[in-house]
Amino acid sequence: GQAVTLLRSLVSRYSSDGILARGIKPKRFIFTVSPIR
């Protein structure tokens, strides 16, 4: 649950147009899980 909350907050915070007010371009995200065991 905490991992989901963290990542959801990350994407919502930096992908929205609202971030433009801080001079930051909205982002797209690509996630991977490392193949290193």
PDB file of all heavy atoms in Angstrom:
ATOM      1  N   GLY A   1       0.807  -1.212   0.000  1.00  0.00           N
ATOM      2  CA  GLY A   1       0.000   0.000   0.000  1.00  0.00           C
ATOM      3  C   GLY A   1       0.837   1.257   0.000  1.00  0.00           C
ATOM      4  O   GLY A   1       0.518   2.241  -0.700  1.00  0.00           O
ATOM      5  N   GLN A   2       1.934   1.249   0.763  1.00  0.00           N
ATOM      6  CA  GLN A   2       2.803   2.428   0.804  1.00  0.00           C
ATOM      7  C   GLN A   2       3.529   2.611  -0.521  1.00  0.00           C
ATOM      8  O   GLN A   2       3.703   3.742  -0.991  1.00  0.00           O
ATOM      9  CB  GLN A   2       3.812   2.295   1.941  1.00  0.00           C
ATOM     10  CG  GLN A   2       4.652   3.548   2.161  1.00  0.00           C
ATOM     11  CD  GLN A   2       5.604   3.415   3.328  1.00  0.00           C
ATOM     12  OE1 GLN A   2       5.527   2.459   4.110  1.00  0.00           O
ATOM     13  NE2 GLN A   2       6.520   4.357   3.470  1.00  0.00           N
ATOM     14  N   ALA A   3       3.954   1.514  -1.134  1.00  0.00           N
ATOM     15  CA  ALA A   3       4.625   1.604  -2.434  1.00  0.00           C
ATOM     16  C   ALA A   3       3.688   2.194  -3.488  1.00  0.00           C
ATOM     17  O   ALA A   3       4.084   3.050  -4.283  1.00  0.00           O
ATOM     18  CB  ALA A   3       5.116   0.227  -2.868  1.00  0.00           C
ATOM     19  N   VAL A   4       2.435   1.744  -3.488  1.00  0.00           N
ATOM     20  CA  VAL A   4       1.450   2.277  -4.436  1.00  0.00           C
ATOM     21  C   VAL A   4       1.230   3.766  -4.191  1.00  0.00           C
ATOM     22  O   VAL A   4       1.215   4.575  -5.133  1.00  0.00           O
ATOM     23  CB  VAL A   4       0.117   1.511  -4.326  1.00  0.00           C
ATOM     24  CG1 VAL A   4      -0.963   2.193  -5.178  1.00  0.00           C
ATOM     25  CG2 VAL A   4       0.293   0.066  -4.764  1.00  0.00           C
ATOM     26  N   THR A   5       1.060   4.155  -2.938  1.00  0.00           N
ATOM     27  CA  THR A   5       0.824   5.561  -2.603  1.00  0.00           C
ATOM     28  C   THR A   5       1.983   6.439  -3.055  1.00  0.00           C
ATOM     29  O   THR A   5       1.773   7.521  -3.628  1.00  0.00           O
ATOM     30  CB  THR A   5       0.610   5.713  -1.087  1.00  0.00           C
ATOM     31  OG1 THR A   5      -0.542   4.967  -0.693  1.00  0.00           O
ATOM     32  CG2 THR A   5       0.416   7.171  -0.704  1.00  0.00           C
ATOM     33  N   LEU A   6       3.200   5.991  -2.816  1.00  0.00           N
ATOM     34  CA  LEU A   6       4.377   6.764  -3.218  1.00  0.00           C
ATOM     35  C   LEU A   6       4.429   6.973  -4.724  1.00  0.00           C
ATOM     36  O   LEU A   6       4.635   8.098  -5.209  1.00  0.00           O
ATOM     37  CB  LEU A   6       5.642   6.034  -2.767  1.00  0.00           C
ATOM     38  CG  LEU A   6       6.039   6.141  -1.293  1.00  0.00           C
ATOM     39  CD1 LEU A   6       7.095   5.097  -0.964  1.00  0.00           C
ATOM     40  CD2 LEU A   6       6.561   7.536  -0.985  1.00  0.00           C
ATOM     41  N   LEU A   7       4.235   5.893  -5.474  1.00  0.00           N
ATOM     42  CA  LEU A   7       4.363   5.986  -6.927  1.00  0.00           C
ATOM     43  C   LEU A   7       3.192   6.746  -7.554  1.00  0.00           C
ATOM     44  O   LEU A   7       3.369   7.496  -8.517  1.00  0.00           O
ATOM     45  CB  LEU A   7       4.496   4.589  -7.537  1.00  0.00           C
ATOM     46  CG  LEU A   7       5.735   3.797  -7.098  1.00  0.00           C
ATOM     47  CD1 LEU A   7       5.749   2.431  -7.751  1.00  0.00           C
ATOM     48  CD2 LEU A   7       7.021   4.552  -7.400  1.00  0.00           C
ATOM     49  N   ARG A   8       1.994   6.556  -7.002  1.00  0.00           N
ATOM     50  CA  ARG A   8       0.845   7.314  -7.489  1.00  0.00           C
ATOM     51  C   ARG A   8       1.055   8.812  -7.273  1.00  0.00           C
ATOM     52  O   ARG A   8       0.765   9.640  -8.147  1.00  0.00           O
ATOM     53  CB  ARG A   8      -0.431   6.867  -6.782  1.00  0.00           C
ATOM     54  CG  ARG A   8      -1.023   5.563  -7.293  1.00  0.00           C
ATOM     55  CD  ARG A   8      -2.283   5.214  -6.527  1.00  0.00           C
ATOM     56  NE  ARG A   8      -3.333   6.192  -6.779  1.00  0.00           N
ATOM     57  CZ  ARG A   8      -4.451   5.943  -7.446  1.00  0.00           C
ATOM     58  NH1 ARG A   8      -4.664   4.739  -7.938  1.00  0.00           N
ATOM     59  NH2 ARG A   8      -5.348   6.872  -7.633  1.00  0.00           N
ATOM     60  N   SER A   9       1.572   9.177  -6.113  1.00  0.00           N
ATOM     61  CA  SER A   9       1.833  10.580  -5.811  1.00  0.00           C
ATOM     62  C   SER A   9       2.891  11.152  -6.747  1.00  0.00           C
ATOM     63  O   SER A   9       2.768  12.289  -7.219  1.00  0.00           O
ATOM     64  CB  SER A   9       2.289  10.714  -4.356  1.00  0.00           C
ATOM     65  OG  SER A   9       2.629  12.043  -4.052  1.00  0.00           O
ATOM     66  N   LEU A  10       3.914  10.356  -7.037  1.00  0.00           N
ATOM     67  CA  LEU A  10       4.971  10.791  -7.943  1.00  0.00           C
ATOM     68  C   LEU A  10       4.413  11.118  -9.316  1.00  0.00           C
ATOM     69  O   LEU A  10       4.669  12.196  -9.882  1.00  0.00           O
ATOM     70  CB  LEU A  10       6.031   9.697  -8.049  1.00  0.00           C
ATOM     71  CG  LEU A  10       7.193   9.966  -9.004  1.00  0.00           C
ATOM     72  CD1 LEU A  10       8.116  11.025  -8.440  1.00  0.00           C
ATOM     73  CD2 LEU A  10       7.970   8.669  -9.280  1.00  0.00           C
ATOM     74  N   VAL A  11       3.642  10.183  -9.880  1.00  0.00           N
ATOM     75  CA  VAL A  11       3.111  10.371 -11.226  1.00  0.00           C
ATOM     76  C   VAL A  11       2.094  11.517 -11.253  1.00  0.00           C
ATOM     77  O   VAL A  11       2.146  12.383 -12.137  1.00  0.00           O
ATOM     78  CB  VAL A  11       2.478   9.070 -11.747  1.00  0.00           C
ATOM     79  CG1 VAL A  11       1.788   9.308 -13.089  1.00  0.00           C
ATOM     80  CG2 VAL A  11       3.542   7.983 -11.890  1.00  0.00           C
ATOM     81  N   SER A  12       1.190  11.550 -10.299  1.00  0.00           N
ATOM     82  CA  SER A  12       0.150  12.585 -10.313  1.00  0.00           C
ATOM     83  C   SER A  12       0.756  13.971 -10.126  1.00  0.00           C
ATOM     84  O   SER A  12       0.291  14.946 -10.715  1.00  0.00           O
ATOM     85  CB  SER A  12      -0.888  12.320  -9.225  1.00  0.00           C
ATOM     86  OG  SER A  12      -0.320  12.393  -7.934  1.00  0.00           O
ATOM     87  N   ARG A  13       1.788  14.062  -9.324  1.00  0.00           N
ATOM     88  CA  ARG A  13       2.389  15.370  -9.033  1.00  0.00           C
ATOM     89  C   ARG A  13       3.128  15.944 -10.229  1.00  0.00           C
ATOM     90  O   ARG A  13       3.077  17.163 -10.474  1.00  0.00           O
ATOM     91  CB  ARG A  13       3.348  15.232  -7.846  1.00  0.00           C
ATOM     92  CG  ARG A  13       3.969  16.544  -7.404  1.00  0.00           C
ATOM     93  CD  ARG A  13       4.742  16.340  -6.124  1.00  0.00           C
ATOM     94  NE  ARG A  13       5.272  17.590  -5.616  1.00  0.00           N
ATOM     95  CZ  ARG A  13       5.944  17.705  -4.479  1.00  0.00           C
ATOM     96  NH1 ARG A  13       6.141  16.631  -3.726  1.00  0.00           N
ATOM     97  NH2 ARG A  13       6.415  18.867  -4.085  1.00  0.00           N
ATOM     98  N   TYR A  14       3.822  15.112 -10.981  1.00  0.00           N
ATOM     99  CA  TYR A  14       4.694  15.622 -12.042  1.00  0.00           C
ATOM    100  C   TYR A  14       4.167  15.381 -13.456  1.00  0.00           C
ATOM    101  O   TYR A  14       4.825  15.759 -14.428  1.00  0.00           O
ATOM    102  CB  TYR A  14       6.095  15.031 -11.893  1.00  0.00           C
ATOM    103  CG  TYR A  14       6.743  15.448 -10.596  1.00  0.00           C
ATOM    104  CD1 TYR A  14       6.875  14.558  -9.540  1.00  0.00           C
ATOM    105  CD2 TYR A  14       7.182  16.761 -10.409  1.00  0.00           C
ATOM    106  CE1 TYR A  14       7.437  14.938  -8.333  1.00  0.00           C
ATOM    107  CE2 TYR A  14       7.750  17.157  -9.208  1.00  0.00           C
ATOM    108  CZ  TYR A  14       7.873  16.250  -8.176  1.00  0.00           C
ATOM    109  OH  TYR A  14       8.424  16.649  -6.969  1.00  0.00           O
ATOM    110  N   SER A  15       2.991  14.796 -13.577  1.00  0.00           N
ATOM    111  CA  SER A  15       2.418  14.608 -14.915  1.00  0.00           C
ATOM    112  C   SER A  15       1.287  15.598 -15.193  1.00  0.00           C
ATOM    113  O   SER A  15       0.822  15.705 -16.322  1.00  0.00           O
ATOM    114  CB  SER A  15       1.883  13.180 -15.073  1.00  0.00           C
ATOM    115  OG  SER A  15       0.808  12.944 -14.179  1.00  0.00           O
ATOM    116  N   SER A  16       0.838  16.315 -14.175  1.00  0.00           N
ATOM    117  CA  SER A  16      -0.309  17.217 -14.334  1.00  0.00           C
ATOM    118  C   SER A  16       0.132  18.582 -14.848  1.00  0.00           C
ATOM    119  O   SER A  16       1.274  19.008 -14.643  1.00  0.00           O
ATOM    120  CB  SER A  16      -1.043  17.381 -13.001  1.00  0.00           C
ATOM    121  OG  SER A  16      -0.222  18.076 -12.082  1.00  0.00           O
ATOM    122  N   ASP A  17      -0.789  19.269 -15.496  1.00  0.00           N
ATOM    123  CA  ASP A  17      -0.494  20.607 -16.000  1.00  0.00           C
ATOM    124  C   ASP A  17      -0.226  21.590 -14.865  1.00  0.00           C
ATOM    125  O   ASP A  17       0.403  22.626 -15.071  1.00  0.00           O
ATOM    126  CB  ASP A  17      -1.655  21.118 -16.857  1.00  0.00           C
ATOM    127  CG  ASP A  17      -1.748  20.380 -18.185  1.00  0.00           C
ATOM    128  OD1 ASP A  17      -0.730  19.809 -18.598  1.00  0.00           O
ATOM    129  OD2 ASP A  17      -2.830  20.367 -18.781  1.00  0.00           O
ATOM    130  N   GLY A  18      -0.701  21.273 -13.653  1.00  0.00           N
ATOM    131  CA  GLY A  18      -0.494  22.171 -12.526  1.00  0.00           C
ATOM    132  C   GLY A  18       0.961  22.402 -12.200  1.00  0.00           C
ATOM    133  O   GLY A  18       1.326  23.431 -11.638  1.00  0.00           O
ATOM    134  N   ILE A  19       1.816  21.440 -12.564  1.00  0.00           N
ATOM    135  CA  ILE A  19       3.239  21.575 -12.271  1.00  0.00           C
ATOM    136  C   ILE A  19       3.870  22.698 -13.098  1.00  0.00           C
ATOM    137  O   ILE A  19       4.943  23.201 -12.770  1.00  0.00           O
ATOM    138  CB  ILE A  19       3.960  20.225 -12.510  1.00  0.00           C
ATOM    139  CG1 ILE A  19       5.268  20.175 -11.702  1.00  0.00           C
ATOM    140  CG2 ILE A  19       4.249  19.989 -13.973  1.00  0.00           C
ATOM    141  CD1 ILE A  19       5.051  20.060 -10.220  1.00  0.00           C
ATOM    142  N   LEU A  20       3.207  23.109 -14.181  1.00  0.00           N
ATOM    143  CA  LEU A  20       3.720  24.200 -15.004  1.00  0.00           C
ATOM    144  C   LEU A  20       3.854  25.491 -14.214  1.00  0.00           C
ATOM    145  O   LEU A  20       4.695  26.344 -14.526  1.00  0.00           O
ATOM    146  CB  LEU A  20       2.808  24.424 -16.215  1.00  0.00           C
ATOM    147  CG  LEU A  20       2.913  23.402 -17.338  1.00  0.00           C
ATOM    148  CD1 LEU A  20       1.771  23.584 -18.325  1.00  0.00           C
ATOM    149  CD2 LEU A  20       4.251  23.538 -18.056  1.00  0.00           C
ATOM    150  N   ALA A  21       3.028  25.651 -13.184  1.00  0.00           N
ATOM    151  CA  ALA A  21       3.099  26.859 -12.362  1.00  0.00           C
ATOM    152  C   ALA A  21       4.449  26.980 -11.670  1.00  0.00           C
ATOM    153  O   ALA A  21       4.861  28.088 -11.303  1.00  0.00           O
ATOM    154  CB  ALA A  21       1.972  26.847 -11.322  1.00  0.00           C
ATOM    155  N   ARG A  22       5.126  25.858 -11.493  1.00  0.00           N
ATOM    156  CA  ARG A  22       6.458  25.867 -10.877  1.00  0.00           C
ATOM    157  C   ARG A  22       7.559  25.847 -11.930  1.00  0.00           C
ATOM    158  O   ARG A  22       8.734  25.651 -11.610  1.00  0.00           O
ATOM    159  CB  ARG A  22       6.602  24.663  -9.951  1.00  0.00           C
ATOM    160  CG  ARG A  22       5.665  24.693  -8.755  1.00  0.00           C
ATOM    161  CD  ARG A  22       5.726  23.410  -7.958  1.00  0.00           C
ATOM    162  NE  ARG A  22       7.085  23.061  -7.573  1.00  0.00           N
ATOM    163  CZ  ARG A  22       7.442  21.882  -7.061  1.00  0.00           C
ATOM    164  NH1 ARG A  22       6.526  20.941  -6.900  1.00  0.00           N
ATOM    165  NH2 ARG A  22       8.692  21.637  -6.728  1.00  0.00           N
ATOM    166  N   GLY A  23       7.192  26.053 -13.170  1.00  0.00           N
ATOM    167  CA  GLY A  23       8.185  26.079 -14.236  1.00  0.00           C
ATOM    168  C   GLY A  23       8.690  24.726 -14.636  1.00  0.00           C
ATOM    169  O   GLY A  23       9.792  24.603 -15.192  1.00  0.00           O
ATOM    170  N   ILE A  24       7.912  23.684 -14.362  1.00  0.00           N
ATOM    171  CA  ILE A  24       8.320  22.307 -14.677  1.00  0.00           C
ATOM    172  C   ILE A  24       7.365  21.727 -15.715  1.00  0.00           C
ATOM    173  O   ILE A  24       6.155  21.755 -15.531  1.00  0.00           O
ATOM    174  CB  ILE A  24       8.316  21.428 -13.418  1.00  0.00           C
ATOM    175  CG1 ILE A  24       9.313  21.975 -12.379  1.00  0.00           C
ATOM    176  CG2 ILE A  24       8.648  19.987 -13.757  1.00  0.00           C
ATOM    177  CD1 ILE A  24       9.299  21.234 -11.064  1.00  0.00           C
ATOM    178  N   LYS A  25       7.927  21.209 -16.785  1.00  0.00           N
ATOM    179  CA  LYS A  25       7.128  20.598 -17.834  1.00  0.00           C
ATOM    180  C   LYS A  25       6.499  19.299 -17.330  1.00  0.00           C
ATOM    181  O   LYS A  25       7.168  18.497 -16.671  1.00  0.00           O
ATOM    182  CB  LYS A  25       8.030  20.308 -19.033  1.00  0.00           C
ATOM    183  CG  LYS A  25       7.320  19.741 -20.251  1.00  0.00           C
ATOM    184  CD  LYS A  25       8.326  19.576 -21.389  1.00  0.00           C
ATOM    185  CE  LYS A  25       7.652  19.055 -22.651  1.00  0.00           C
ATOM    186  NZ  LYS A  25       8.630  18.921 -23.765  1.00  0.00           N
ATOM    187  N   PRO A  26       5.212  19.066 -17.613  1.00  0.00           N
ATOM    188  CA  PRO A  26       4.589  17.790 -17.203  1.00  0.00           C
ATOM    189  C   PRO A  26       5.315  16.587 -17.827  1.00  0.00           C
ATOM    190  O   PRO A  26       5.737  16.636 -18.985  1.00  0.00           O
ATOM    191  CB  PRO A  26       3.157  17.908 -17.730  1.00  0.00           C
ATOM    192  CG  PRO A  26       2.909  19.372 -17.826  1.00  0.00           C
ATOM    193  CD  PRO A  26       4.234  19.979 -18.223  1.00  0.00           C
ATOM    194  N   LYS A  27       5.444  15.541 -17.033  1.00  0.00           N
ATOM    195  CA  LYS A  27       6.233  14.376 -17.449  1.00  0.00           C
ATOM    196  C   LYS A  27       5.358  13.175 -17.824  1.00  0.00           C
ATOM    197  O   LYS A  27       4.230  13.021 -17.352  1.00  0.00           O
ATOM    198  CB  LYS A  27       7.159  13.917 -16.312  1.00  0.00           C
ATOM    199  CG  LYS A  27       7.886  15.019 -15.573  1.00  0.00           C
ATOM    200  CD  LYS A  27       8.806  15.801 -16.480  1.00  0.00           C
ATOM    201  CE  LYS A  27       9.452  16.941 -15.706  1.00  0.00           C
ATOM    202  NZ  LYS A  27       9.996  17.975 -16.628  1.00  0.00           N
ATOM    203  N   ARG A  28       5.939  12.321 -18.660  1.00  0.00           N
ATOM    204  CA  ARG A  28       5.440  10.970 -18.866  1.00  0.00           C
ATOM    205  C   ARG A  28       6.386  10.027 -18.134  1.00  0.00           C
ATOM    206  O   ARG A  28       7.550  10.341 -17.932  1.00  0.00           O
ATOM    207  CB  ARG A  28       5.400  10.629 -20.353  1.00  0.00           C
ATOM    208  CG  ARG A  28       4.579  11.599 -21.197  1.00  0.00           C
ATOM    209  CD  ARG A  28       4.536  11.151 -22.647  1.00  0.00           C
ATOM    210  NE  ARG A  28       5.866  11.067 -23.235  1.00  0.00           N
ATOM    211  CZ  ARG A  28       6.466  12.051 -23.894  1.00  0.00           C
ATOM    212  NH1 ARG A  28       5.841  13.206 -24.054  1.00  0.00           N
ATOM    213  NH2 ARG A  28       7.672  11.897 -24.413  1.00  0.00           N
ATOM    214  N   PHE A  29       5.873   8.859 -17.763  1.00  0.00           N
ATOM    215  CA  PHE A  29       6.671   7.919 -16.972  1.00  0.00           C
ATOM    216  C   PHE A  29       6.668   6.542 -17.611  1.00  0.00           C
ATOM    217  O   PHE A  29       5.635   6.056 -18.064  1.00  0.00           O
ATOM    218  CB  PHE A  29       6.115   7.806 -15.551  1.00  0.00           C
ATOM    219  CG  PHE A  29       6.337   9.030 -14.702  1.00  0.00           C
ATOM    220  CD1 PHE A  29       5.460  10.117 -14.791  1.00  0.00           C
ATOM    221  CD2 PHE A  29       7.409   9.110 -13.836  1.00  0.00           C
ATOM    222  CE1 PHE A  29       5.668  11.249 -14.023  1.00  0.00           C
ATOM    223  CE2 PHE A  29       7.608  10.249 -13.068  1.00  0.00           C
ATOM    224  CZ  PHE A  29       6.739  11.312 -13.154  1.00  0.00           C
ATOM    225  N   ILE A  30       7.848   5.932 -17.629  1.00  0.00           N
ATOM    226  CA  ILE A  30       7.974   4.519 -17.976  1.00  0.00           C
ATOM    227  C   ILE A  30       8.639   3.830 -16.794  1.00  0.00           C
ATOM    228  O   ILE A  30       9.724   4.232 -16.350  1.00  0.00           O
ATOM    229  CB  ILE A  30       8.797   4.302 -19.255  1.00  0.00           C
ATOM    230  CG1 ILE A  30       8.110   4.948 -20.463  1.00  0.00           C
ATOM    231  CG2 ILE A  30       9.014   2.810 -19.503  1.00  0.00           C
ATOM    232  CD1 ILE A  30       8.907   4.861 -21.752  1.00  0.00           C
ATOM    233  N   PHE A  31       7.974   2.813 -16.256  1.00  0.00           N
ATOM    234  CA  PHE A  31       8.501   2.060 -15.129  1.00  0.00           C
ATOM    235  C   PHE A  31       9.005   0.700 -15.592  1.00  0.00           C
ATOM    236  O   PHE A  31       8.432   0.070 -16.482  1.00  0.00           O
ATOM    237  CB  PHE A  31       7.421   1.839 -14.066  1.00  0.00           C
ATOM    238  CG  PHE A  31       7.090   3.070 -13.266  1.00  0.00           C
ATOM    239  CD1 PHE A  31       6.018   3.879 -13.635  1.00  0.00           C
ATOM    240  CD2 PHE A  31       7.846   3.416 -12.158  1.00  0.00           C
ATOM    241  CE1 PHE A  31       5.707   5.015 -12.904  1.00  0.00           C
ATOM    242  CE2 PHE A  31       7.540   4.549 -11.422  1.00  0.00           C
ATOM    243  CZ  PHE A  31       6.466   5.358 -11.793  1.00  0.00           C
ATOM    244  N   THR A  32      10.087   0.264 -14.982  1.00  0.00           N
ATOM    245  CA  THR A  32      10.553  -1.110 -15.145  1.00  0.00           C
ATOM    246  C   THR A  32      10.919  -1.646 -13.765  1.00  0.00           C
ATOM    247  O   THR A  32      11.143  -0.879 -12.822  1.00  0.00           O
ATOM    248  CB  THR A  32      11.795  -1.223 -16.063  1.00  0.00           C
ATOM    249  OG1 THR A  32      12.933  -0.663 -15.393  1.00  0.00           O
ATOM    250  CG2 THR A  32      11.571  -0.498 -17.371  1.00  0.00           C
ATOM    251  N   VAL A  33      10.968  -2.952 -13.643  1.00  0.00           N
ATOM    252  CA  VAL A  33      11.508  -3.600 -12.446  1.00  0.00           C
ATOM    253  C   VAL A  33      12.821  -4.251 -12.847  1.00  0.00           C
ATOM    254  O   VAL A  33      12.890  -4.954 -13.856  1.00  0.00           O
ATOM    255  CB  VAL A  33      10.511  -4.620 -11.867  1.00  0.00           C
ATOM    256  CG1 VAL A  33      11.167  -5.474 -10.790  1.00  0.00           C
ATOM    257  CG2 VAL A  33       9.281  -3.911 -11.311  1.00  0.00           C
ATOM    258  N   SER A  34      13.841  -3.985 -12.095  1.00  0.00           N
ATOM    259  CA  SER A  34      15.180  -4.424 -12.465  1.00  0.00           C
ATOM    260  C   SER A  34      15.264  -5.937 -12.623  1.00  0.00           C
ATOM    261  O   SER A  34      14.765  -6.692 -11.773  1.00  0.00           O
ATOM    262  CB  SER A  34      16.186  -3.976 -11.403  1.00  0.00           C
ATOM    263  OG  SER A  34      17.455  -4.553 -11.642  1.00  0.00           O
ATOM    264  N   PRO A  35      15.925  -6.414 -13.670  1.00  0.00           N
ATOM    265  CA  PRO A  35      16.127  -7.858 -13.851  1.00  0.00           C
ATOM    266  C   PRO A  35      17.219  -8.420 -12.954  1.00  0.00           C
ATOM    267  O   PRO A  35      17.475  -9.625 -12.970  1.00  0.00           O
ATOM    268  CB  PRO A  35      16.514  -7.966 -15.329  1.00  0.00           C
ATOM    269  CG  PRO A  35      17.137  -6.646 -15.645  1.00  0.00           C
ATOM    270  CD  PRO A  35      16.397  -5.628 -14.823  1.00  0.00           C
ATOM    271  N   ILE A  36      17.862  -7.561 -12.167  1.00  0.00           N
ATOM    272  CA  ILE A  36      18.910  -8.012 -11.253  1.00  0.00           C
ATOM    273  C   ILE A  36      18.266  -8.617 -10.013  1.00  0.00           C
ATOM    274  O   ILE A  36      17.440  -7.988  -9.353  1.00  0.00           O
ATOM    275  CB  ILE A  36      19.832  -6.846 -10.857  1.00  0.00           C
ATOM    276  CG1 ILE A  36      20.531  -6.300 -12.108  1.00  0.00           C
ATOM    277  CG2 ILE A  36      20.868  -7.300  -9.832  1.00  0.00           C
ATOM    278  CD1 ILE A  36      21.179  -4.962 -11.915  1.00  0.00           C
ATOM    279  N   ARG A  37      18.629  -9.849  -9.694  1.00  0.00           N
ATOM    280  CA  ARG A  37      18.050 -10.536  -8.543  1.00  0.00           C
ATOM    281  C   ARG A  37      18.805 -10.176  -7.262  1.00  0.00           C
ATOM    282  O   ARG A  37      20.033 -10.121  -7.257  1.00  0.00           O
ATOM    283  CB  ARG A  37      18.086 -12.048  -8.776  1.00  0.00           C
ATOM    284  CG  ARG A  37      17.197 -12.503  -9.924  1.00  0.00           C
ATOM    285  CD  ARG A  37      17.273 -13.992 -10.129  1.00  0.00           C
ATOM    286  NE  ARG A  37      18.608 -14.408 -10.545  1.00  0.00           N
ATOM    287  CZ  ARG A  37      19.048 -15.660 -10.509  1.00  0.00           C
ATOM    288  NH1 ARG A  37      18.268 -16.620 -10.066  1.00  0.00           N
ATOM    289  NH2 ARG A  37      20.270 -15.953 -10.917  1.00  0.00           N
TER     290      ARG A  37
END
